[in-house]
Amino acid sequence: MQPSGYGNLSDGRLDATFAALADPTRRAILARLASGEASVRELTEPFAMSQAAVSKHLKVLERAGLISRAQDAQRRPRRLEATPLAEA
């Protein structure tokens, strides 16, 4: 019999966290955000993909609760949210 939750993380949230971490691009984005917040443009620079493609990866990370979006005048920098990683 398997428990329905792990710590404070529900099964769905745990699944979303691990699904988000399964992609190497998303792991690289998280590694970059570990050093500080960054805009979508800044996060796109090291990858050979469009800004739209990086934005799709960011949406997956946001849905998993691994990153958040701040509002700083004209910018909307993303920042790492480490709690789901620690709980997983």
N, C-alpha and C. Protein backbone atom coordinates (compact mmCIF):
# COMPACT_ATOMS: atom_id res chain seq x y z
N MET A 1 0.84 -1.18 0.00
CA MET A 1 0.00 0.00 0.00
C MET A 1 0.89 1.24 0.00
N GLN A 2 0.61 2.14 -0.89
CA GLN A 2 1.41 3.35 -1.04
C GLN A 2 0.70 4.53 -0.40
N PRO A 3 1.42 5.37 0.36
CA PRO A 3 0.78 6.55 0.95
C PRO A 3 0.33 7.52 -0.13
N SER A 4 -0.74 8.26 0.17
CA SER A 4 -1.30 9.19 -0.82
C SER A 4 -0.53 10.48 -0.94
N GLY A 5 0.32 10.81 0.02
CA GLY A 5 1.09 12.05 -0.06
C GLY A 5 2.47 11.85 0.53
N TYR A 6 3.38 12.67 0.13
CA TYR A 6 4.75 12.60 0.62
C TYR A 6 5.07 13.93 1.27
N GLY A 7 5.16 13.95 2.59
CA GLY A 7 5.41 15.21 3.26
C GLY A 7 4.27 16.17 2.99
N ASN A 8 4.60 17.36 2.55
CA ASN A 8 3.60 18.37 2.24
C ASN A 8 3.21 18.36 0.77
N LEU A 9 3.77 17.45 -0.01
CA LEU A 9 3.55 17.42 -1.45
C LEU A 9 2.49 16.38 -1.80
N SER A 10 1.44 16.78 -2.51
CA SER A 10 0.44 15.82 -2.97
C SER A 10 1.02 15.03 -4.13
N ASP A 11 0.37 13.91 -4.46
CA ASP A 11 0.84 13.09 -5.57
C ASP A 11 0.91 13.89 -6.87
N GLY A 12 -0.11 14.70 -7.13
CA GLY A 12 -0.13 15.50 -8.36
C GLY A 12 1.00 16.51 -8.40
N ARG A 13 1.26 17.14 -7.28
CA ARG A 13 2.34 18.13 -7.22
C ARG A 13 3.70 17.44 -7.37
N LEU A 14 3.85 16.26 -6.75
CA LEU A 14 5.09 15.50 -6.87
C LEU A 14 5.30 15.08 -8.32
N ASP A 15 4.25 14.60 -8.98
CA ASP A 15 4.33 14.23 -10.39
C ASP A 15 4.74 15.42 -11.25
N ALA A 16 4.14 16.58 -10.99
CA ALA A 16 4.46 17.79 -11.76
C ALA A 16 5.91 18.20 -11.55
N THR A 17 6.39 18.08 -10.31
CA THR A 17 7.79 18.43 -10.02
C THR A 17 8.74 17.53 -10.79
N PHE A 18 8.53 16.22 -10.71
CA PHE A 18 9.44 15.31 -11.40
C PHE A 18 9.30 15.39 -12.92
N ALA A 19 8.10 15.63 -13.42
CA ALA A 19 7.92 15.80 -14.87
C ALA A 19 8.68 17.03 -15.35
N ALA A 20 8.63 18.11 -14.57
CA ALA A 20 9.36 19.33 -14.95
C ALA A 20 10.86 19.09 -14.92
N LEU A 21 11.33 18.32 -13.95
CA LEU A 21 12.77 18.06 -13.82
C LEU A 21 13.29 17.05 -14.82
N ALA A 22 12.40 16.35 -15.52
CA ALA A 22 12.81 15.32 -16.47
C ALA A 22 13.50 15.88 -17.70
N ASP A 23 13.29 17.14 -18.00
CA ASP A 23 13.85 17.74 -19.21
C ASP A 23 15.17 18.46 -18.91
N PRO A 24 16.24 18.17 -19.68
CA PRO A 24 17.53 18.81 -19.42
C PRO A 24 17.53 20.33 -19.59
N THR A 25 16.72 20.84 -20.51
CA THR A 25 16.64 22.29 -20.68
C THR A 25 16.06 22.94 -19.44
N ARG A 26 15.01 22.34 -18.90
CA ARG A 26 14.40 22.91 -17.69
C ARG A 26 15.35 22.82 -16.50
N ARG A 27 16.13 21.74 -16.41
CA ARG A 27 17.12 21.64 -15.33
C ARG A 27 18.18 22.72 -15.49
N ALA A 28 18.58 23.01 -16.72
CA ALA A 28 19.57 24.07 -16.97
C ALA A 28 19.00 25.44 -16.60
N ILE A 29 17.73 25.66 -16.89
CA ILE A 29 17.08 26.92 -16.52
C ILE A 29 17.08 27.06 -15.00
N LEU A 30 16.73 25.99 -14.29
CA LEU A 30 16.74 26.04 -12.82
C LEU A 30 18.13 26.31 -12.29
N ALA A 31 19.14 25.70 -12.90
CA ALA A 31 20.52 25.93 -12.46
C ALA A 31 20.89 27.40 -12.65
N ARG A 32 20.46 27.99 -13.76
CA ARG A 32 20.73 29.41 -14.00
C ARG A 32 20.01 30.28 -12.96
N LEU A 33 18.76 29.96 -12.67
CA LEU A 33 17.99 30.74 -11.72
C LEU A 33 18.49 30.57 -10.28
N ALA A 34 19.23 29.52 -10.02
CA ALA A 34 19.81 29.33 -8.68
C ALA A 34 20.80 30.45 -8.36
N SER A 35 21.35 31.09 -9.40
CA SER A 35 22.31 32.18 -9.16
C SER A 35 21.63 33.55 -9.15
N GLY A 36 20.31 33.60 -9.36
CA GLY A 36 19.58 34.86 -9.30
C GLY A 36 18.51 34.93 -10.37
N GLU A 37 17.56 35.85 -10.18
CA GLU A 37 16.45 35.97 -11.12
C GLU A 37 16.94 36.43 -12.49
N ALA A 38 16.13 36.12 -13.51
CA ALA A 38 16.49 36.46 -14.89
C ALA A 38 15.23 36.62 -15.72
N SER A 39 15.33 37.43 -16.76
CA SER A 39 14.21 37.62 -17.69
C SER A 39 14.19 36.46 -18.70
N VAL A 40 13.10 36.36 -19.44
CA VAL A 40 13.00 35.33 -20.47
C VAL A 40 14.12 35.52 -21.49
N ARG A 41 14.39 36.76 -21.87
CA ARG A 41 15.46 37.03 -22.83
C ARG A 41 16.80 36.54 -22.30
N GLU A 42 17.08 36.81 -21.04
CA GLU A 42 18.34 36.36 -20.44
C GLU A 42 18.41 34.84 -20.35
N LEU A 43 17.28 34.22 -20.10
CA LEU A 43 17.26 32.76 -20.01
C LEU A 43 17.37 32.10 -21.38
N THR A 44 16.98 32.81 -22.44
CA THR A 44 17.04 32.26 -23.79
C THR A 44 18.46 32.25 -24.35
N GLU A 45 19.28 33.21 -23.94
CA GLU A 45 20.62 33.40 -24.52
C GLU A 45 21.47 32.13 -24.63
N PRO A 46 21.58 31.28 -23.60
CA PRO A 46 22.48 30.13 -23.73
C PRO A 46 21.92 28.96 -24.55
N PHE A 47 20.68 29.05 -24.99
CA PHE A 47 20.05 27.93 -25.69
C PHE A 47 19.89 28.22 -27.18
N ALA A 48 19.97 27.18 -27.98
CA ALA A 48 19.75 27.30 -29.42
C ALA A 48 18.26 27.06 -29.70
N MET A 49 17.42 27.90 -29.10
CA MET A 49 15.97 27.79 -29.31
C MET A 49 15.36 29.17 -29.20
N SER A 50 14.14 29.27 -29.67
CA SER A 50 13.46 30.57 -29.67
C SER A 50 13.02 30.97 -28.27
N GLN A 51 12.70 32.24 -28.13
CA GLN A 51 12.18 32.74 -26.87
C GLN A 51 10.84 32.08 -26.56
N ALA A 52 10.05 31.80 -27.59
CA ALA A 52 8.76 31.13 -27.39
C ALA A 52 8.96 29.72 -26.83
N ALA A 53 9.96 29.01 -27.32
CA ALA A 53 10.24 27.66 -26.82
C ALA A 53 10.67 27.70 -25.36
N VAL A 54 11.52 28.66 -25.01
CA VAL A 54 11.95 28.80 -23.62
C VAL A 54 10.75 29.17 -22.75
N SER A 55 9.87 30.02 -23.25
CA SER A 55 8.67 30.40 -22.50
C SER A 55 7.80 29.19 -22.18
N LYS A 56 7.71 28.24 -23.11
CA LYS A 56 6.94 27.02 -22.86
C LYS A 56 7.56 26.22 -21.72
N HIS A 57 8.90 26.14 -21.71
CA HIS A 57 9.58 25.45 -20.61
C HIS A 57 9.31 26.17 -19.29
N LEU A 58 9.31 27.50 -19.32
CA LEU A 58 9.06 28.27 -18.10
C LEU A 58 7.66 28.03 -17.57
N LYS A 59 6.69 27.88 -18.46
CA LYS A 59 5.31 27.60 -18.02
C LYS A 59 5.23 26.26 -17.29
N VAL A 60 5.95 25.26 -17.79
CA VAL A 60 5.97 23.96 -17.12
C VAL A 60 6.57 24.10 -15.72
N LEU A 61 7.66 24.85 -15.62
CA LEU A 61 8.32 25.06 -14.33
C LEU A 61 7.42 25.85 -13.38
N GLU A 62 6.69 26.83 -13.91
CA GLU A 62 5.76 27.61 -13.08
C GLU A 62 4.62 26.74 -12.56
N ARG A 63 4.04 25.92 -13.45
CA ARG A 63 2.93 25.04 -13.03
C ARG A 63 3.38 24.07 -11.94
N ALA A 64 4.64 23.66 -11.99
CA ALA A 64 5.18 22.75 -10.97
C ALA A 64 5.56 23.48 -9.69
N GLY A 65 5.48 24.82 -9.72
CA GLY A 65 5.82 25.60 -8.54
C GLY A 65 7.31 25.76 -8.32
N LEU A 66 8.11 25.44 -9.35
CA LEU A 66 9.56 25.50 -9.21
C LEU A 66 10.13 26.88 -9.46
N ILE A 67 9.37 27.72 -10.16
CA ILE A 67 9.79 29.11 -10.37
C ILE A 67 8.59 30.01 -10.18
N SER A 68 8.86 31.27 -9.95
CA SER A 68 7.80 32.27 -9.86
C SER A 68 8.17 33.46 -10.73
N ARG A 69 7.17 34.27 -11.02
CA ARG A 69 7.36 35.44 -11.87
C ARG A 69 7.16 36.69 -11.03
N ALA A 70 8.16 37.55 -11.03
CA ALA A 70 8.06 38.83 -10.32
C ALA A 70 7.66 39.90 -11.33
N GLN A 71 7.26 41.05 -10.86
CA GLN A 71 6.97 42.16 -11.75
C GLN A 71 7.82 43.33 -11.33
N ASP A 72 8.73 43.71 -12.21
CA ASP A 72 9.70 44.78 -11.92
C ASP A 72 9.61 45.79 -13.06
N ALA A 73 8.69 46.74 -12.96
CA ALA A 73 8.45 47.75 -14.00
C ALA A 73 8.16 47.05 -15.33
N GLN A 74 9.04 47.17 -16.31
CA GLN A 74 8.84 46.59 -17.64
C GLN A 74 9.24 45.12 -17.70
N ARG A 75 10.06 44.68 -16.78
CA ARG A 75 10.54 43.28 -16.77
C ARG A 75 9.62 42.40 -15.93
N ARG A 76 9.63 41.14 -16.24
CA ARG A 76 8.95 40.13 -15.41
C ARG A 76 9.94 39.00 -15.16
N PRO A 77 10.94 39.26 -14.31
CA PRO A 77 11.97 38.24 -14.10
C PRO A 77 11.42 36.99 -13.41
N ARG A 78 12.02 35.86 -13.73
CA ARG A 78 11.66 34.60 -13.07
C ARG A 78 12.66 34.36 -11.95
N ARG A 79 12.19 33.66 -10.92
CA ARG A 79 13.09 33.31 -9.82
C ARG A 79 12.80 31.88 -9.36
N LEU A 80 13.82 31.25 -8.84
CA LEU A 80 13.73 29.87 -8.37
C LEU A 80 12.92 29.81 -7.08
N GLU A 81 12.06 28.81 -6.98
CA GLU A 81 11.33 28.51 -5.75
C GLU A 81 11.81 27.13 -5.30
N ALA A 82 12.65 27.09 -4.30
CA ALA A 82 13.33 25.84 -3.91
C ALA A 82 12.47 24.91 -3.07
N THR A 83 11.39 25.37 -2.48
CA THR A 83 10.59 24.53 -1.58
C THR A 83 10.12 23.23 -2.22
N PRO A 84 9.55 23.24 -3.44
CA PRO A 84 9.12 21.97 -4.03
C PRO A 84 10.29 21.00 -4.25
N LEU A 85 11.47 21.52 -4.53
CA LEU A 85 12.63 20.65 -4.70
C LEU A 85 13.00 19.99 -3.38
N ALA A 86 12.98 20.76 -2.32
CA ALA A 86 13.32 20.22 -1.00
C ALA A 86 12.28 19.19 -0.55
N GLU A 87 11.02 19.44 -0.87
CA GLU A 87 9.95 18.52 -0.46
C GLU A 87 9.94 17.24 -1.28
N ALA A 88 10.44 17.30 -2.52
CA ALA A 88 10.46 16.11 -3.38
C ALA A 88 11.55 15.18 -2.92
